[in-house]
Amino acid sequence: MILRRDALMGIVAALAVLTASWATGATLAAFSDTTNNPGNSFSAAASFCSNPGTQTLIADADAYVDENAALSNYGASSSLHVQSRAGGRNRRTLVHFPAPAGLFCTVTSATLRLWATSADGGRTLQVYELATVWTEGTVTWATQPLAIGTPSTVISAAGWVQFDVTAQAQSLFGSLNTGLLVKDSMEDQNPPRTQQFSSREAGAYPPELTITQA
């Protein structure tokens, strides 16, 4: 009986200490649910991105479309064409890239790189986001998706032609990845103005998208 009473008194004493500690906000452990507990410690992560940094993506689909052959598909061609030509003979290039690796990431910069095997100097080339998805082996001038948003522009040149497509990539990889359209800023020109780029089927210098994310 005496041992039981002593044990009971010990429990009561311990409860009294705990009650007093809670009342004064004293720290009893490394963490508690008391908001002003100095033992609590929090730190915010700089980013939740699982794969921050820069990576280069290679096109997984590309094709050009020809206004003069509106029902023809050129998805297997080794070259991509951008042409301004009067008489309904314009050509445009479509290119698509896989989504970058990483979860919970935000695109902070993106550069589209196309290798020009031939170029007509002084032309302004535009890159648009596409409104809907398309298929490399079936897309034609007649079925090409609408170009949407504000285009990125560069002046035509031989070798690597680089477009800042940060805004387009942020939109593409934030929702439906529909790809990009490259066209001459002033179509229906005479004499014709033509650019040719290496496609992914060419084996060398395929379209690239260099992305930095955080």
Protein backbone atom coordinates (compact mmCIF):
# COMPACT_ATOMS: atom_id res chain seq x y z
CA MET A 1 0.00 0.00 0.00
CA ILE A 2 2.84 2.36 0.93
CA LEU A 3 4.63 1.73 -2.41
CA ARG A 4 1.47 2.37 -4.35
CA ARG A 5 0.87 5.64 -2.49
CA ASP A 6 4.47 6.75 -3.11
CA ALA A 7 4.15 5.98 -6.82
CA LEU A 8 0.91 7.89 -7.00
CA MET A 9 2.49 10.89 -5.28
CA GLY A 10 5.37 10.80 -7.78
CA ILE A 11 2.99 10.89 -10.73
CA VAL A 12 1.10 13.81 -9.20
CA ALA A 13 4.37 15.70 -8.68
CA ALA A 14 5.46 15.11 -12.28
CA LEU A 15 2.11 16.35 -13.59
CA ALA A 16 2.49 19.44 -11.48
CA VAL A 17 5.90 20.18 -13.03
CA LEU A 18 4.55 19.70 -16.56
CA THR A 19 1.59 21.92 -15.88
CA ALA A 20 3.81 24.66 -14.52
CA SER A 21 6.17 24.38 -17.49
CA TRP A 22 3.36 24.65 -20.04
CA ALA A 23 1.94 27.64 -18.19
CA THR A 24 5.25 29.52 -18.40
CA GLY A 25 6.14 28.43 -21.96
CA ALA A 26 9.29 26.63 -20.83
CA THR A 27 11.03 24.37 -23.36
CA LEU A 28 10.60 20.67 -22.59
CA ALA A 29 11.80 19.25 -25.92
CA ALA A 30 13.28 20.27 -29.24
CA PHE A 31 9.82 20.97 -30.68
CA SER A 32 6.33 21.69 -29.37
CA ASP A 33 3.12 23.13 -30.76
CA THR A 34 3.49 26.28 -28.67
CA THR A 35 4.11 29.11 -31.17
CA ASN A 36 6.45 31.08 -28.92
CA ASN A 37 8.51 28.09 -27.87
CA PRO A 38 12.19 29.05 -28.38
CA GLY A 39 12.97 25.36 -28.93
CA ASN A 40 11.06 25.34 -32.19
CA SER A 41 13.20 25.86 -35.30
CA PHE A 42 12.00 26.26 -38.90
CA SER A 43 13.82 26.96 -42.17
CA ALA A 44 12.36 27.39 -45.65
CA ALA A 45 13.88 25.53 -48.59
CA ALA A 46 15.30 27.81 -51.29
CA SER A 47 13.55 25.68 -53.92
CA PHE A 48 11.62 22.42 -54.12
CA CYS A 49 12.95 21.74 -57.65
CA SER A 50 14.27 18.19 -57.79
CA ASN A 51 16.68 18.87 -60.70
CA PRO A 52 17.86 22.50 -60.71
CA GLY A 53 20.42 23.73 -63.22
CA THR A 54 20.85 23.64 -66.99
CA GLN A 55 20.06 20.78 -69.36
CA THR A 56 19.92 20.45 -73.14
CA LEU A 57 16.95 18.72 -74.73
CA ILE A 58 17.01 17.23 -78.23
CA ALA A 59 13.91 17.43 -80.41
CA ASP A 60 11.72 14.34 -80.30
CA ALA A 61 9.62 15.50 -83.29
CA ASP A 62 10.12 18.00 -86.11
CA ALA A 63 8.71 18.70 -89.56
CA TYR A 64 8.21 21.47 -92.04
CA VAL A 65 4.98 22.31 -93.86
CA ASP A 66 4.63 23.68 -97.39
CA GLU A 67 1.78 25.95 -98.45
CA ASN A 68 2.27 24.88 -102.07
CA ALA A 69 1.77 21.23 -101.09
CA ALA A 70 -0.80 21.76 -98.37
CA LEU A 71 -1.64 18.07 -97.90
CA SER A 72 1.93 16.71 -97.96
CA ASN A 73 3.86 15.67 -94.86
CA TYR A 74 7.60 16.28 -94.44
CA GLY A 75 8.15 14.77 -91.00
CA ALA A 76 10.85 12.38 -92.25
CA SER A 77 12.88 15.03 -94.05
CA SER A 78 16.52 15.56 -93.06
CA SER A 79 16.06 19.33 -93.38
CA LEU A 80 13.63 21.87 -91.99
CA HIS A 81 12.53 24.79 -94.15
CA VAL A 82 11.42 28.35 -93.43
CA GLN A 83 10.47 30.17 -96.59
CA SER A 84 8.80 33.40 -97.61
CA ARG A 85 7.60 33.22 -101.21
CA ALA A 86 4.78 34.87 -103.12
CA GLY A 87 2.12 32.80 -104.83
CA GLY A 88 1.19 30.66 -101.85
CA ARG A 89 4.60 29.02 -101.46
CA ASN A 90 5.51 29.79 -97.86
CA ARG A 91 7.10 27.14 -95.64
CA ARG A 92 7.21 26.83 -91.85
CA THR A 93 8.98 24.55 -89.36
CA LEU A 94 7.46 22.80 -86.35
CA VAL A 95 9.59 21.37 -83.56
CA HIS A 96 8.76 19.58 -80.30
CA PHE A 97 10.89 18.73 -77.26
CA PRO A 98 10.36 16.36 -74.32
CA ALA A 99 9.67 17.92 -70.95
CA PRO A 100 12.81 18.65 -68.90
CA ALA A 101 13.72 16.32 -66.06
CA GLY A 102 12.74 17.46 -62.59
CA LEU A 103 9.68 17.91 -60.39
CA PHE A 104 8.34 21.17 -58.96
CA CYS A 105 10.75 23.19 -61.13
CA THR A 106 10.31 26.59 -62.77
CA VAL A 107 11.94 27.41 -66.11
CA THR A 108 14.13 30.49 -65.64
CA SER A 109 15.62 30.60 -69.14
CA ALA A 110 15.29 28.69 -72.42
CA THR A 111 17.12 28.93 -75.74
CA LEU A 112 16.04 27.27 -78.98
CA ARG A 113 19.02 26.41 -81.21
CA LEU A 114 18.65 25.52 -84.90
CA TRP A 115 21.59 24.71 -87.17
CA ALA A 116 21.17 26.61 -90.44
CA THR A 117 22.69 24.75 -93.38
CA SER A 118 21.72 27.64 -95.67
CA ALA A 119 20.47 31.12 -94.92
CA ASP A 120 19.17 34.19 -96.70
CA GLY A 121 20.71 37.10 -94.81
CA GLY A 122 18.74 39.88 -93.21
CA ARG A 123 15.48 37.99 -92.68
CA THR A 124 13.67 38.19 -89.35
CA LEU A 125 12.66 34.76 -88.10
CA GLN A 126 9.95 34.25 -85.50
CA VAL A 127 9.22 31.47 -83.00
CA TYR A 128 5.69 30.98 -81.66
CA GLU A 129 4.09 28.58 -79.24
CA LEU A 130 1.61 26.23 -80.91
CA ALA A 131 -1.99 26.07 -79.72
CA THR A 132 -2.57 22.32 -80.03
CA VAL A 133 -0.64 19.08 -80.31
CA TRP A 134 0.50 17.65 -83.65
CA THR A 135 2.16 14.50 -84.96
CA GLU A 136 5.46 14.47 -86.84
CA GLY A 137 4.31 11.85 -89.36
CA THR A 138 0.99 13.47 -90.27
CA VAL A 139 1.19 17.26 -89.87
CA THR A 140 0.69 19.27 -93.07
CA TRP A 141 0.18 22.90 -94.01
CA ALA A 142 -3.57 22.27 -93.94
CA THR A 143 -3.51 20.72 -90.45
CA GLN A 144 -0.80 22.76 -88.72
CA PRO A 145 -1.85 24.18 -85.32
CA LEU A 146 -2.39 27.90 -84.82
CA ALA A 147 0.55 29.99 -83.66
CA ILE A 148 -0.21 31.82 -80.42
CA GLY A 149 1.36 34.39 -78.09
CA THR A 150 4.12 36.91 -78.71
CA PRO A 151 6.94 35.58 -80.91
CA SER A 152 10.65 35.54 -80.17
CA THR A 153 12.71 36.90 -83.06
CA VAL A 154 16.25 36.70 -84.43
CA ILE A 155 17.97 37.71 -87.66
CA SER A 156 18.73 34.84 -90.04
CA ALA A 157 22.31 33.56 -90.24
CA ALA A 158 24.30 30.47 -91.12
CA GLY A 159 25.35 28.06 -88.36
CA TRP A 160 23.60 28.07 -85.01
CA VAL A 161 20.61 30.38 -84.87
CA GLN A 162 19.48 31.00 -81.31
CA PHE A 163 16.10 32.21 -80.05
CA ASP A 164 15.27 33.26 -76.50
CA VAL A 165 12.14 31.20 -75.89
CA THR A 166 11.92 31.53 -72.11
CA ALA A 167 8.31 32.73 -72.15
CA GLN A 168 7.24 30.01 -74.58
CA ALA A 169 8.98 27.24 -72.57
CA GLN A 170 7.43 28.44 -69.32
CA SER A 171 4.00 28.18 -70.94
CA LEU A 172 4.67 24.85 -72.68
CA PHE A 173 6.07 23.01 -69.68
CA GLY A 174 3.57 24.57 -67.32
CA SER A 175 0.60 23.07 -69.16
CA LEU A 176 0.20 21.25 -72.50
CA ASN A 177 3.50 20.67 -74.30
CA THR A 178 2.47 21.52 -77.88
CA GLY A 179 5.80 22.55 -79.40
CA LEU A 180 7.07 25.55 -81.37
CA LEU A 181 6.58 27.05 -84.82
CA VAL A 182 9.34 28.86 -86.76
CA LYS A 183 8.38 31.18 -89.63
CA ASP A 184 9.53 34.21 -91.60
CA SER A 185 8.15 37.43 -90.12
CA MET A 186 7.13 38.65 -93.60
CA GLU A 187 5.74 35.86 -95.75
CA ASP A 188 4.60 36.05 -99.40
CA GLN A 189 7.75 37.87 -100.56
CA ASN A 190 9.14 38.00 -104.07
CA PRO A 191 11.94 37.10 -104.74
CA PRO A 192 11.69 34.13 -102.36
CA ARG A 193 13.70 34.02 -99.12
CA THR A 194 14.62 30.59 -97.77
CA GLN A 195 16.33 29.16 -94.68
CA GLN A 196 17.16 25.48 -94.18
CA PHE A 197 17.98 23.83 -90.85
CA SER A 198 19.13 20.36 -89.84
CA SER A 199 16.31 18.17 -88.59
CA ARG A 200 16.62 15.40 -86.02
CA GLU A 201 16.69 12.92 -88.92
CA ALA A 202 19.86 14.54 -90.31
CA GLY A 203 22.05 12.72 -87.79
CA ALA A 204 24.05 15.82 -86.84
CA TYR A 205 23.09 19.17 -85.33
CA PRO A 206 19.48 18.35 -84.47
CA PRO A 207 17.26 21.09 -82.97
CA GLU A 208 18.17 21.77 -79.34
CA LEU A 209 16.44 23.43 -76.42
CA THR A 210 18.75 24.51 -73.58
CA ILE A 211 16.80 25.06 -70.38
CA THR A 212 17.74 26.35 -66.95
CA GLN A 213 15.33 25.68 -64.12
CA ALA A 214 15.18 26.25 -60.38
